[in-house]
Amino acid sequence: MNAPAAVLFDMDGTLVDTEVLWWRTTEEVADSLGHRLTDADAPEVVGRAVEDTAAHLVRVSRGGDPDEVALALTGNFFRKVEAGAPMRPGAQRLLSVLEAEGVPFALVSASPRVVVDSVVGGSLAHVPFAFTMSADDTSRTKPHPDPYRIAAERLGLVPEACVAVEDSPDGAASAEAAGCGLLIVPSLLPVPRSPRRTFVNSLEEVTPALLRDCLAVDPS
């Protein structure tokens, strides 16, 4: 075979260029709490669930209610996404190639369902995902393995037969813990290297054969 049994794509920063929008959102909410966001905050902000980022902002600002901050983050981000989230370079080409070769693919995101549905209904409206998953669809989201394990189950596959495409440390940790093959296309945050992680600079470099080489086991 020259392709995996299935490909599981992260959304923010991987297929669509929303990480910058999320950073701007967090900056604005942090400012409202009296905290100036810096690079030191990035590990607690980029690729994290909304609740994790809200808890961090409340902790560092020593003010605010975590639930209210989470709602402010979600609402602000949603408005930015609704205004337009462009696809990442090479994303459309890769998705089209996988579709032409009959390789199923799904979306596995740590964003809330309202944000996932907005992006899938906008920038990704033409993409034939097998299904989409949000942070609301599992009891634990990234960096826990639950999202990728459940996504593989929904496809009737073991995680080891799937390749996850990720851009963040938490997303990579989630996919690796689930047992997926792992392709990393870093965006805002550097992702630690490990023997099970394949790195590329852009989705423009990715082919089905490269995805196949990311697998820990032969899906055939």
N, C-alpha and C. Protein backbone atom coordinates (compact mmCIF):
# COMPACT_ATOMS: atom_id res chain seq x y z
N MET A 1 0.83 -1.20 0.00
CA MET A 1 0.00 0.00 0.00
C MET A 1 0.87 1.26 0.00
N ASN A 2 0.36 2.34 -0.56
CA ASN A 2 1.09 3.60 -0.50
C ASN A 2 0.28 4.68 0.19
N ALA A 3 -0.64 4.29 1.06
CA ALA A 3 -1.43 5.23 1.85
C ALA A 3 -1.86 4.55 3.13
N PRO A 4 -2.10 5.33 4.21
CA PRO A 4 -2.61 4.75 5.46
C PRO A 4 -4.07 4.34 5.31
N ALA A 5 -4.59 3.61 6.30
CA ALA A 5 -6.00 3.22 6.26
C ALA A 5 -6.90 4.43 6.43
N ALA A 6 -6.46 5.44 7.18
CA ALA A 6 -7.22 6.67 7.37
C ALA A 6 -6.28 7.76 7.88
N VAL A 7 -6.68 9.00 7.66
CA VAL A 7 -5.90 10.15 8.14
C VAL A 7 -6.80 10.98 9.03
N LEU A 8 -6.27 11.35 10.19
CA LEU A 8 -7.01 12.13 11.19
C LEU A 8 -6.35 13.50 11.31
N PHE A 9 -7.04 14.52 10.87
CA PHE A 9 -6.48 15.87 10.82
C PHE A 9 -6.89 16.71 12.03
N ASP A 10 -5.92 17.36 12.64
CA ASP A 10 -6.22 18.47 13.54
C ASP A 10 -6.75 19.62 12.69
N MET A 11 -7.41 20.58 13.31
CA MET A 11 -8.00 21.69 12.55
C MET A 11 -7.18 22.96 12.68
N ASP A 12 -7.15 23.55 13.88
CA ASP A 12 -6.54 24.87 14.08
C ASP A 12 -5.02 24.82 13.90
N GLY A 13 -4.52 25.59 12.94
CA GLY A 13 -3.09 25.63 12.71
C GLY A 13 -2.59 24.53 11.81
N THR A 14 -3.44 23.52 11.54
CA THR A 14 -3.05 22.41 10.68
C THR A 14 -3.72 22.52 9.32
N LEU A 15 -5.06 22.47 9.30
CA LEU A 15 -5.79 22.63 8.04
C LEU A 15 -6.17 24.08 7.78
N VAL A 16 -6.45 24.83 8.84
CA VAL A 16 -6.83 26.24 8.68
C VAL A 16 -5.94 27.11 9.56
N ASP A 17 -5.72 28.32 9.10
CA ASP A 17 -4.80 29.22 9.78
C ASP A 17 -5.54 30.01 10.85
N THR A 18 -5.91 29.30 11.93
CA THR A 18 -6.68 29.94 13.01
C THR A 18 -5.86 30.17 14.27
N GLU A 19 -4.64 29.64 14.33
CA GLU A 19 -3.84 29.81 15.55
C GLU A 19 -3.57 31.29 15.84
N VAL A 20 -3.32 32.07 14.77
CA VAL A 20 -3.10 33.51 14.97
C VAL A 20 -4.36 34.17 15.51
N LEU A 21 -5.53 33.73 15.00
CA LEU A 21 -6.80 34.28 15.49
C LEU A 21 -7.00 33.94 16.97
N TRP A 22 -6.62 32.72 17.35
CA TRP A 22 -6.75 32.31 18.74
C TRP A 22 -5.82 33.11 19.64
N TRP A 23 -4.60 33.37 19.16
CA TRP A 23 -3.65 34.16 19.95
C TRP A 23 -4.19 35.59 20.15
N ARG A 24 -4.72 36.17 19.08
CA ARG A 24 -5.28 37.53 19.21
C ARG A 24 -6.46 37.54 20.17
N THR A 25 -7.29 36.51 20.09
CA THR A 25 -8.42 36.38 21.01
C THR A 25 -7.94 36.34 22.45
N THR A 26 -6.95 35.50 22.70
CA THR A 26 -6.44 35.36 24.07
C THR A 26 -5.78 36.64 24.55
N GLU A 27 -5.08 37.35 23.65
CA GLU A 27 -4.50 38.64 24.01
C GLU A 27 -5.57 39.61 24.48
N GLU A 28 -6.67 39.67 23.74
CA GLU A 28 -7.73 40.62 24.07
C GLU A 28 -8.40 40.28 25.40
N VAL A 29 -8.66 39.00 25.61
CA VAL A 29 -9.29 38.59 26.87
C VAL A 29 -8.32 38.79 28.03
N ALA A 30 -7.05 38.48 27.81
CA ALA A 30 -6.04 38.69 28.85
C ALA A 30 -5.95 40.17 29.22
N ASP A 31 -5.97 41.05 28.20
CA ASP A 31 -5.93 42.49 28.46
C ASP A 31 -7.10 42.93 29.33
N SER A 32 -8.27 42.34 29.08
CA SER A 32 -9.45 42.71 29.87
C SER A 32 -9.32 42.29 31.32
N LEU A 33 -8.42 41.33 31.58
CA LEU A 33 -8.17 40.86 32.95
C LEU A 33 -6.95 41.54 33.57
N GLY A 34 -6.32 42.43 32.81
CA GLY A 34 -5.15 43.13 33.31
C GLY A 34 -3.86 42.37 33.15
N HIS A 35 -3.84 41.38 32.25
CA HIS A 35 -2.63 40.60 32.02
C HIS A 35 -2.16 40.80 30.59
N ARG A 36 -0.87 41.09 30.42
CA ARG A 36 -0.30 41.23 29.08
C ARG A 36 0.26 39.88 28.63
N LEU A 37 -0.29 39.35 27.56
CA LEU A 37 0.13 38.05 27.07
C LEU A 37 1.52 38.14 26.44
N THR A 38 2.38 37.18 26.77
CA THR A 38 3.73 37.12 26.21
C THR A 38 4.02 35.69 25.73
N ASP A 39 5.19 35.50 25.16
CA ASP A 39 5.59 34.17 24.69
C ASP A 39 5.61 33.16 25.83
N ALA A 40 5.80 33.64 27.05
CA ALA A 40 5.83 32.73 28.20
C ALA A 40 4.48 32.05 28.41
N ASP A 41 3.42 32.68 27.94
CA ASP A 41 2.07 32.11 28.09
C ASP A 41 1.76 31.08 27.01
N ALA A 42 2.54 31.05 25.94
CA ALA A 42 2.20 30.25 24.76
C ALA A 42 1.91 28.78 25.06
N PRO A 43 2.72 28.10 25.89
CA PRO A 43 2.44 26.68 26.14
C PRO A 43 1.08 26.43 26.79
N GLU A 44 0.53 27.44 27.47
CA GLU A 44 -0.78 27.29 28.13
C GLU A 44 -1.92 27.81 27.26
N VAL A 45 -1.58 28.29 26.06
CA VAL A 45 -2.58 28.92 25.20
C VAL A 45 -2.72 28.21 23.86
N VAL A 46 -1.60 27.93 23.21
CA VAL A 46 -1.63 27.37 21.85
C VAL A 46 -1.88 25.86 21.90
N GLY A 47 -2.90 25.44 21.17
CA GLY A 47 -3.22 24.03 21.10
C GLY A 47 -3.92 23.47 22.32
N ARG A 48 -4.32 24.33 23.24
CA ARG A 48 -4.98 23.89 24.46
C ARG A 48 -6.49 24.06 24.35
N ALA A 49 -7.21 23.32 25.17
CA ALA A 49 -8.66 23.47 25.22
C ALA A 49 -9.00 24.84 25.81
N VAL A 50 -10.17 25.35 25.48
CA VAL A 50 -10.60 26.66 25.96
C VAL A 50 -10.56 26.72 27.48
N GLU A 51 -11.02 25.66 28.13
CA GLU A 51 -11.06 25.64 29.61
C GLU A 51 -9.66 25.74 30.20
N ASP A 52 -8.69 25.11 29.55
CA ASP A 52 -7.30 25.18 30.03
C ASP A 52 -6.76 26.60 29.92
N THR A 53 -7.01 27.23 28.78
CA THR A 53 -6.55 28.61 28.58
C THR A 53 -7.23 29.56 29.56
N ALA A 54 -8.54 29.37 29.76
CA ALA A 54 -9.26 30.22 30.71
C ALA A 54 -8.70 30.08 32.11
N ALA A 55 -8.43 28.83 32.53
CA ALA A 55 -7.87 28.60 33.86
C ALA A 55 -6.51 29.28 34.00
N HIS A 56 -5.71 29.22 32.94
CA HIS A 56 -4.40 29.87 32.97
C HIS A 56 -4.54 31.38 33.12
N LEU A 57 -5.43 31.99 32.34
CA LEU A 57 -5.59 33.45 32.41
C LEU A 57 -6.09 33.89 33.78
N VAL A 58 -6.99 33.13 34.38
CA VAL A 58 -7.48 33.46 35.72
C VAL A 58 -6.33 33.34 36.73
N ARG A 59 -5.53 32.32 36.55
CA ARG A 59 -4.41 32.09 37.48
C ARG A 59 -3.37 33.21 37.40
N VAL A 60 -2.96 33.59 36.17
CA VAL A 60 -1.88 34.58 36.05
C VAL A 60 -2.38 36.00 36.32
N SER A 61 -3.66 36.25 36.09
CA SER A 61 -4.20 37.60 36.32
C SER A 61 -4.73 37.77 37.74
N ARG A 62 -4.90 36.62 38.43
CA ARG A 62 -5.46 36.61 39.79
C ARG A 62 -6.83 37.28 39.83
N GLY A 63 -7.61 37.04 38.78
CA GLY A 63 -8.96 37.61 38.74
C GLY A 63 -9.80 36.95 37.68
N GLY A 64 -11.10 37.12 37.80
CA GLY A 64 -12.02 36.57 36.81
C GLY A 64 -12.54 35.21 37.21
N ASP A 65 -13.65 34.83 36.59
CA ASP A 65 -14.26 33.52 36.81
C ASP A 65 -13.91 32.63 35.62
N PRO A 66 -13.40 31.42 35.86
CA PRO A 66 -12.98 30.56 34.74
C PRO A 66 -14.08 30.30 33.72
N ASP A 67 -15.31 30.11 34.18
CA ASP A 67 -16.40 29.84 33.24
C ASP A 67 -16.70 31.07 32.38
N GLU A 68 -16.69 32.25 33.00
CA GLU A 68 -16.96 33.48 32.25
C GLU A 68 -15.83 33.77 31.26
N VAL A 69 -14.60 33.52 31.68
CA VAL A 69 -13.45 33.73 30.79
C VAL A 69 -13.51 32.76 29.61
N ALA A 70 -13.89 31.53 29.88
CA ALA A 70 -14.03 30.54 28.80
C ALA A 70 -15.09 30.98 27.80
N LEU A 71 -16.19 31.51 28.30
CA LEU A 71 -17.25 31.99 27.40
C LEU A 71 -16.77 33.19 26.57
N ALA A 72 -16.00 34.07 27.20
CA ALA A 72 -15.47 35.23 26.48
C ALA A 72 -14.49 34.79 25.39
N LEU A 73 -13.64 33.82 25.70
CA LEU A 73 -12.69 33.30 24.71
C LEU A 73 -13.43 32.68 23.54
N THR A 74 -14.42 31.84 23.84
CA THR A 74 -15.15 31.15 22.78
C THR A 74 -15.90 32.13 21.89
N GLY A 75 -16.59 33.10 22.50
CA GLY A 75 -17.36 34.07 21.73
C GLY A 75 -16.48 34.94 20.85
N ASN A 76 -15.38 35.41 21.41
CA ASN A 76 -14.44 36.26 20.67
C ASN A 76 -13.84 35.50 19.50
N PHE A 77 -13.38 34.27 19.77
CA PHE A 77 -12.77 33.45 18.73
C PHE A 77 -13.78 33.12 17.63
N PHE A 78 -14.98 32.78 18.04
CA PHE A 78 -16.03 32.45 17.08
C PHE A 78 -16.27 33.60 16.10
N ARG A 79 -16.32 34.82 16.63
CA ARG A 79 -16.54 35.98 15.76
C ARG A 79 -15.40 36.15 14.76
N LYS A 80 -14.17 35.91 15.20
CA LYS A 80 -13.03 36.02 14.29
C LYS A 80 -13.07 34.93 13.22
N VAL A 81 -13.38 33.71 13.63
CA VAL A 81 -13.45 32.60 12.68
C VAL A 81 -14.56 32.84 11.66
N GLU A 82 -15.69 33.35 12.12
CA GLU A 82 -16.81 33.63 11.22
C GLU A 82 -16.41 34.63 10.14
N ALA A 83 -15.47 35.52 10.47
CA ALA A 83 -15.02 36.52 9.49
C ALA A 83 -14.12 35.90 8.43
N GLY A 84 -13.64 34.68 8.67
CA GLY A 84 -12.84 33.99 7.66
C GLY A 84 -11.57 33.38 8.23
N ALA A 85 -11.38 32.08 7.96
CA ALA A 85 -10.17 31.37 8.39
C ALA A 85 -9.59 30.66 7.17
N PRO A 86 -8.54 31.20 6.57
CA PRO A 86 -7.99 30.61 5.34
C PRO A 86 -7.35 29.24 5.59
N MET A 87 -7.38 28.40 4.56
CA MET A 87 -6.75 27.09 4.65
C MET A 87 -5.24 27.25 4.61
N ARG A 88 -4.54 26.32 5.26
CA ARG A 88 -3.08 26.32 5.28
C ARG A 88 -2.54 25.90 3.91
N PRO A 89 -1.36 26.38 3.54
CA PRO A 89 -0.77 25.99 2.25
C PRO A 89 -0.66 24.47 2.10
N GLY A 90 -1.11 23.97 0.98
CA GLY A 90 -1.02 22.54 0.70
C GLY A 90 -2.17 21.72 1.22
N ALA A 91 -3.04 22.31 2.05
CA ALA A 91 -4.12 21.54 2.66
C ALA A 91 -5.12 21.06 1.61
N GLN A 92 -5.54 21.96 0.74
CA GLN A 92 -6.54 21.57 -0.27
C GLN A 92 -6.00 20.49 -1.20
N ARG A 93 -4.76 20.63 -1.63
CA ARG A 93 -4.17 19.64 -2.52
C ARG A 93 -4.12 18.26 -1.87
N LEU A 94 -3.69 18.21 -0.59
CA LEU A 94 -3.57 16.94 0.10
C LEU A 94 -4.93 16.29 0.30
N LEU A 95 -5.92 17.07 0.71
CA LEU A 95 -7.26 16.53 0.90
C LEU A 95 -7.82 15.98 -0.41
N SER A 96 -7.57 16.69 -1.50
CA SER A 96 -8.06 16.24 -2.81
C SER A 96 -7.39 14.94 -3.23
N VAL A 97 -6.10 14.81 -2.95
CA VAL A 97 -5.38 13.58 -3.30
C VAL A 97 -5.92 12.40 -2.50
N LEU A 98 -6.13 12.60 -1.21
CA LEU A 98 -6.66 11.51 -0.37
C LEU A 98 -8.06 11.11 -0.84
N GLU A 99 -8.88 12.09 -1.17
CA GLU A 99 -10.22 11.78 -1.66
C GLU A 99 -10.15 10.97 -2.96
N ALA A 100 -9.26 11.37 -3.87
CA ALA A 100 -9.13 10.69 -5.15
C ALA A 100 -8.65 9.25 -4.97
N GLU A 101 -7.83 9.01 -3.95
CA GLU A 101 -7.30 7.67 -3.71
C GLU A 101 -8.19 6.84 -2.79
N GLY A 102 -9.31 7.42 -2.36
CA GLY A 102 -10.25 6.68 -1.53
C GLY A 102 -9.80 6.47 -0.10
N VAL A 103 -8.92 7.33 0.39
CA VAL A 103 -8.46 7.24 1.77
C VAL A 103 -9.39 8.07 2.66
N PRO A 104 -10.10 7.48 3.61
CA PRO A 104 -11.00 8.27 4.45
C PRO A 104 -10.22 9.20 5.38
N PHE A 105 -10.81 10.34 5.69
CA PHE A 105 -10.16 11.26 6.63
C PHE A 105 -11.23 11.93 7.47
N ALA A 106 -10.83 12.26 8.71
CA ALA A 106 -11.75 12.88 9.67
C ALA A 106 -11.05 14.06 10.32
N LEU A 107 -11.84 14.90 10.96
CA LEU A 107 -11.33 16.08 11.66
C LEU A 107 -11.39 15.81 13.16
N VAL A 108 -10.26 16.00 13.85
CA VAL A 108 -10.18 15.74 15.29
C VAL A 108 -9.62 17.01 15.94
N SER A 109 -10.51 17.82 16.52
CA SER A 109 -10.13 19.14 17.02
C SER A 109 -10.32 19.25 18.53
N ALA A 110 -9.54 20.13 19.15
CA ALA A 110 -9.71 20.44 20.56
C ALA A 110 -10.52 21.73 20.75
N SER A 111 -11.02 22.28 19.64
CA SER A 111 -11.87 23.47 19.73
C SER A 111 -13.30 23.07 20.09
N PRO A 112 -14.07 24.00 20.66
CA PRO A 112 -15.48 23.71 20.97
C PRO A 112 -16.28 23.42 19.70
N ARG A 113 -17.38 22.71 19.85
CA ARG A 113 -18.21 22.33 18.71
C ARG A 113 -18.67 23.55 17.91
N VAL A 114 -19.01 24.65 18.60
CA VAL A 114 -19.51 25.83 17.89
C VAL A 114 -18.44 26.37 16.94
N VAL A 115 -17.17 26.29 17.33
CA VAL A 115 -16.08 26.77 16.47
C VAL A 115 -15.83 25.78 15.33
N VAL A 116 -15.80 24.49 15.65
CA VAL A 116 -15.60 23.47 14.61
C VAL A 116 -16.68 23.59 13.55
N ASP A 117 -17.93 23.71 13.97
CA ASP A 117 -19.03 23.79 13.00
C ASP A 117 -18.93 25.06 12.15
N SER A 118 -18.44 26.14 12.74
CA SER A 118 -18.29 27.38 11.99
C SER A 118 -17.24 27.22 10.89
N VAL A 119 -16.10 26.62 11.24
CA VAL A 119 -15.02 26.44 10.26
C VAL A 119 -15.44 25.43 9.19
N VAL A 120 -16.06 24.32 9.63
CA VAL A 120 -16.48 23.29 8.68
C VAL A 120 -17.60 23.79 7.78
N GLY A 121 -18.39 24.71 8.29
CA GLY A 121 -19.43 25.29 7.47
C GLY A 121 -18.96 26.45 6.60
N GLY A 122 -17.70 26.88 6.84
CA GLY A 122 -17.15 27.99 6.08
C GLY A 122 -15.98 27.56 5.22
N SER A 123 -14.76 27.74 5.75
CA SER A 123 -13.55 27.45 4.99
C SER A 123 -13.47 26.01 4.51
N LEU A 124 -14.02 25.07 5.30
CA LEU A 124 -13.91 23.64 4.97
C LEU A 124 -15.24 23.05 4.51
N ALA A 125 -16.16 23.88 4.04
CA ALA A 125 -17.49 23.41 3.69
C ALA A 125 -17.47 22.39 2.55
N HIS A 126 -16.46 22.46 1.71
CA HIS A 126 -16.38 21.58 0.55
C HIS A 126 -15.65 20.27 0.83
N VAL A 127 -15.15 20.09 2.05
CA VAL A 127 -14.30 18.94 2.36
C VAL A 127 -15.15 17.77 2.86
N PRO A 128 -15.04 16.60 2.23
CA PRO A 128 -15.89 15.45 2.60
C PRO A 128 -15.33 14.64 3.77
N PHE A 129 -15.29 15.25 4.96
CA PHE A 129 -14.83 14.52 6.13
C PHE A 129 -15.76 13.34 6.43
N ALA A 130 -15.19 12.24 6.90
CA ALA A 130 -16.02 11.12 7.35
C ALA A 130 -16.86 11.55 8.53
N PHE A 131 -16.29 12.38 9.40
CA PHE A 131 -16.97 12.98 10.54
C PHE A 131 -16.05 14.03 11.13
N THR A 132 -16.58 14.84 12.03
CA THR A 132 -15.75 15.81 12.75
C THR A 132 -15.92 15.59 14.25
N MET A 133 -14.85 15.81 14.99
CA MET A 133 -14.88 15.71 16.45
C MET A 133 -14.40 17.01 17.05
N SER A 134 -15.05 17.41 18.14
CA SER A 134 -14.69 18.63 18.85
C SER A 134 -14.34 18.29 20.30
N ALA A 135 -13.92 19.31 21.05
CA ALA A 135 -13.62 19.10 22.47
C ALA A 135 -14.85 18.67 23.25
N ASP A 136 -16.04 18.95 22.70
CA ASP A 136 -17.29 18.61 23.39
C ASP A 136 -17.69 17.15 23.21
N ASP A 137 -16.98 16.43 22.35
CA ASP A 137 -17.38 15.07 22.00
C ASP A 137 -16.70 13.98 22.81
N THR A 138 -15.76 14.35 23.66
CA THR A 138 -15.09 13.38 24.53
C THR A 138 -15.00 13.96 25.93
N SER A 139 -14.93 13.10 26.92
CA SER A 139 -14.84 13.58 28.31
C SER A 139 -13.49 14.26 28.57
N ARG A 140 -12.47 13.82 27.86
CA ARG A 140 -11.14 14.45 27.95
C ARG A 140 -10.67 14.75 26.53
N THR A 141 -10.16 15.96 26.34
CA THR A 141 -9.65 16.31 25.02
C THR A 141 -8.13 16.27 25.03
N LYS A 142 -7.51 16.75 23.97
CA LYS A 142 -6.04 16.77 23.88
C LYS A 142 -5.48 17.53 25.08
N PRO A 143 -4.38 17.09 25.68
CA PRO A 143 -3.39 16.11 25.23
C PRO A 143 -3.70 14.65 25.57
N HIS A 144 -4.87 14.37 26.12
CA HIS A 144 -5.23 12.98 26.42
C HIS A 144 -5.47 12.23 25.11
N PRO A 145 -5.32 10.91 25.11
CA PRO A 145 -5.45 10.13 23.88
C PRO A 145 -6.88 9.90 23.42
N ASP A 146 -7.87 10.23 24.25
CA ASP A 146 -9.26 9.90 23.96
C ASP A 146 -9.74 10.31 22.56
N PRO A 147 -9.49 11.57 22.11
CA PRO A 147 -10.04 11.97 20.81
C PRO A 147 -9.57 11.07 19.66
N TYR A 148 -8.29 10.75 19.64
CA TYR A 148 -7.78 9.94 18.53
C TYR A 148 -8.18 8.47 18.65
N ARG A 149 -8.24 7.97 19.85
CA ARG A 149 -8.71 6.60 20.03
C ARG A 149 -10.15 6.45 19.56
N ILE A 150 -10.99 7.38 19.95
CA ILE A 150 -12.41 7.31 19.59
C ILE A 150 -12.60 7.53 18.09
N ALA A 151 -11.80 8.43 17.50
CA ALA A 151 -11.90 8.67 16.06
C ALA A 151 -11.56 7.39 15.29
N ALA A 152 -10.52 6.70 15.70
CA ALA A 152 -10.16 5.44 15.03
C ALA A 152 -11.28 4.42 15.18
N GLU A 153 -11.85 4.33 16.38
CA GLU A 153 -12.96 3.40 16.61
C GLU A 153 -14.14 3.69 15.69
N ARG A 154 -14.44 4.97 15.51
CA ARG A 154 -15.57 5.35 14.65
C ARG A 154 -15.35 4.93 13.20
N LEU A 155 -14.08 4.82 12.82
CA LEU A 155 -13.75 4.38 11.47
C LEU A 155 -13.61 2.86 11.38
N GLY A 156 -13.78 2.18 12.52
CA GLY A 156 -13.63 0.74 12.54
C GLY A 156 -12.19 0.29 12.44
N LEU A 157 -11.27 1.14 12.90
CA LEU A 157 -9.84 0.86 12.78
C LEU A 157 -9.15 0.92 14.13
N VAL A 158 -7.97 0.33 14.21
CA VAL A 158 -7.12 0.54 15.38
C VAL A 158 -6.33 1.82 15.15
N PRO A 159 -5.97 2.55 16.20
CA PRO A 159 -5.22 3.80 16.00
C PRO A 159 -3.92 3.60 15.23
N GLU A 160 -3.28 2.43 15.40
CA GLU A 160 -2.00 2.17 14.74
C GLU A 160 -2.11 2.14 13.22
N ALA A 161 -3.34 2.01 12.69
CA ALA A 161 -3.55 2.00 11.24
C ALA A 161 -3.85 3.39 10.70
N CYS A 162 -3.89 4.38 11.59
CA CYS A 162 -4.24 5.76 11.20
C CYS A 162 -3.03 6.67 11.38
N VAL A 163 -2.98 7.71 10.56
CA VAL A 163 -1.97 8.75 10.72
C VAL A 163 -2.66 10.03 11.16
N ALA A 164 -2.19 10.61 12.24
CA ALA A 164 -2.68 11.91 12.71
C ALA A 164 -1.76 13.00 12.18
N VAL A 165 -2.36 14.10 11.76
CA VAL A 165 -1.59 15.25 11.28
C VAL A 165 -1.83 16.39 12.26
N GLU A 166 -0.77 16.85 12.90
CA GLU A 166 -0.88 17.79 14.00
C GLU A 166 0.14 18.92 13.87
N ASP A 167 -0.10 20.01 14.64
CA ASP A 167 0.82 21.14 14.61
C ASP A 167 1.29 21.56 16.00
N SER A 168 0.71 21.00 17.07
CA SER A 168 1.01 21.51 18.42
C SER A 168 1.52 20.40 19.34
N PRO A 169 2.22 20.77 20.41
CA PRO A 169 2.70 19.77 21.36
C PRO A 169 1.59 18.94 21.98
N ASP A 170 0.48 19.58 22.38
CA ASP A 170 -0.62 18.84 23.00
C ASP A 170 -1.27 17.88 22.01
N GLY A 171 -1.46 18.34 20.78
CA GLY A 171 -2.05 17.48 19.77
C GLY A 171 -1.16 16.29 19.46
N ALA A 172 0.14 16.55 19.37
CA ALA A 172 1.09 15.47 19.12
C ALA A 172 1.08 14.46 20.26
N ALA A 173 1.02 14.94 21.49
CA ALA A 173 1.00 14.05 22.65
C ALA A 173 -0.25 13.19 22.64
N SER A 174 -1.39 13.78 22.26
CA SER A 174 -2.65 13.05 22.20
C SER A 174 -2.58 11.92 21.18
N ALA A 175 -2.15 12.23 19.97
CA ALA A 175 -2.09 11.23 18.91
C ALA A 175 -1.07 10.14 19.22
N GLU A 176 0.07 10.53 19.75
CA GLU A 176 1.11 9.55 20.07
C GLU A 176 0.64 8.61 21.18
N ALA A 177 -0.02 9.16 22.20
CA ALA A 177 -0.51 8.32 23.30
C ALA A 177 -1.59 7.35 22.83
N ALA A 178 -2.35 7.76 21.81
CA ALA A 178 -3.39 6.89 21.27
C ALA A 178 -2.80 5.75 20.44
N GLY A 179 -1.58 5.95 19.93
CA GLY A 179 -0.94 4.92 19.13
C GLY A 179 -0.93 5.19 17.64
N CYS A 180 -1.39 6.37 17.22
CA CYS A 180 -1.42 6.71 15.80
C CYS A 180 -0.02 6.95 15.25
N GLY A 181 0.13 6.74 13.94
CA GLY A 181 1.28 7.30 13.27
C GLY A 181 1.15 8.81 13.33
N LEU A 182 2.25 9.55 13.25
CA LEU A 182 2.17 10.97 13.55
C LEU A 182 3.02 11.80 12.61
N LEU A 183 2.36 12.74 11.93
CA LEU A 183 3.04 13.71 11.07
C LEU A 183 2.85 15.09 11.69
N ILE A 184 3.96 15.80 11.88
CA ILE A 184 3.94 17.11 12.52
C ILE A 184 4.24 18.19 11.49
N VAL A 185 3.36 19.20 11.45
CA VAL A 185 3.58 20.39 10.62
C VAL A 185 3.51 21.58 11.58
N PRO A 186 4.62 21.95 12.24
CA PRO A 186 4.56 22.96 13.29
C PRO A 186 4.03 24.30 12.79
N SER A 187 3.34 25.02 13.70
CA SER A 187 2.88 26.37 13.37
C SER A 187 3.46 27.37 14.36
N LEU A 188 2.73 27.71 15.43
CA LEU A 188 3.22 28.74 16.36
C LEU A 188 4.20 28.20 17.39
N LEU A 189 3.97 26.97 17.87
CA LEU A 189 4.81 26.42 18.93
C LEU A 189 5.72 25.32 18.39
N PRO A 190 6.97 25.27 18.86
CA PRO A 190 7.82 24.14 18.49
C PRO A 190 7.29 22.85 19.11
N VAL A 191 7.39 21.76 18.39
CA VAL A 191 6.93 20.46 18.86
C VAL A 191 8.15 19.58 19.13
N PRO A 192 8.25 19.00 20.34
CA PRO A 192 9.40 18.15 20.64
C PRO A 192 9.51 16.97 19.68
N ARG A 193 10.71 16.59 19.37
CA ARG A 193 10.95 15.47 18.47
C ARG A 193 10.98 14.16 19.24
N SER A 194 10.58 13.10 18.55
CA SER A 194 10.68 11.76 19.11
C SER A 194 10.78 10.80 17.94
N PRO A 195 11.23 9.56 18.19
CA PRO A 195 11.40 8.61 17.09
C PRO A 195 10.12 8.31 16.33
N ARG A 196 8.97 8.52 16.96
CA ARG A 196 7.69 8.18 16.32
C ARG A 196 7.06 9.37 15.60
N ARG A 197 7.76 10.48 15.54
CA ARG A 197 7.21 11.69 14.93
C ARG A 197 7.97 12.06 13.66
N THR A 198 7.22 12.24 12.57
CA THR A 198 7.79 12.70 11.31
C THR A 198 7.46 14.17 11.14
N PHE A 199 8.45 14.97 10.76
CA PHE A 199 8.26 16.41 10.64
C PHE A 199 8.39 16.87 9.19
N VAL A 200 7.52 17.81 8.81
CA VAL A 200 7.65 18.52 7.54
C VAL A 200 7.41 19.99 7.80
N ASN A 201 7.86 20.83 6.87
CA ASN A 201 7.68 22.27 7.05
C ASN A 201 6.31 22.76 6.62
N SER A 202 5.68 22.02 5.71
CA SER A 202 4.40 22.46 5.15
C SER A 202 3.63 21.25 4.63
N LEU A 203 2.31 21.35 4.60
CA LEU A 203 1.49 20.31 3.98
C LEU A 203 1.77 20.19 2.49
N GLU A 204 2.40 21.19 1.90
CA GLU A 204 2.76 21.13 0.49
C GLU A 204 3.74 20.00 0.20
N GLU A 205 4.46 19.54 1.25
CA GLU A 205 5.44 18.48 1.08
C GLU A 205 4.84 17.08 1.23
N VAL A 206 3.58 16.99 1.65
CA VAL A 206 3.02 15.71 2.09
C VAL A 206 2.39 14.96 0.92
N THR A 207 2.71 13.67 0.84
CA THR A 207 2.13 12.76 -0.15
C THR A 207 1.54 11.56 0.59
N PRO A 208 0.66 10.80 -0.05
CA PRO A 208 0.18 9.57 0.59
C PRO A 208 1.31 8.62 0.98
N ALA A 209 2.35 8.57 0.16
CA ALA A 209 3.48 7.69 0.47
C ALA A 209 4.18 8.14 1.76
N LEU A 210 4.32 9.45 1.95
CA LEU A 210 4.92 9.95 3.18
C LEU A 210 4.05 9.62 4.38
N LEU A 211 2.74 9.77 4.23
CA LEU A 211 1.83 9.41 5.32
C LEU A 211 1.95 7.92 5.65
N ARG A 212 2.07 7.11 4.64
CA ARG A 212 2.23 5.66 4.85
C ARG A 212 3.49 5.37 5.66
N ASP A 213 4.54 6.13 5.40
CA ASP A 213 5.80 5.91 6.12
C ASP A 213 5.71 6.33 7.59
N CYS A 214 4.67 7.08 7.95
CA CYS A 214 4.49 7.51 9.35
C CYS A 214 3.89 6.41 10.22
N LEU A 215 3.35 5.37 9.61
CA LEU A 215 2.65 4.34 10.36
C LEU A 215 3.60 3.48 11.19
N ALA A 216 3.09 3.14 12.39
CA ALA A 216 3.86 2.24 13.25
C ALA A 216 3.71 0.79 12.80
N VAL A 217 2.58 0.47 12.17
CA VAL A 217 2.33 -0.88 11.67
C VAL A 217 1.74 -0.79 10.28
N ASP A 218 1.79 -1.87 9.53
CA ASP A 218 1.22 -1.93 8.20
C ASP A 218 -0.27 -2.16 8.29
N PRO A 219 -1.13 -1.22 7.83
CA PRO A 219 -2.56 -1.36 7.96
C PRO A 219 -3.14 -2.45 7.07
N SER A 220 -2.37 -2.98 6.12
CA SER A 220 -2.86 -4.02 5.24
C SER A 220 -2.89 -5.36 5.94
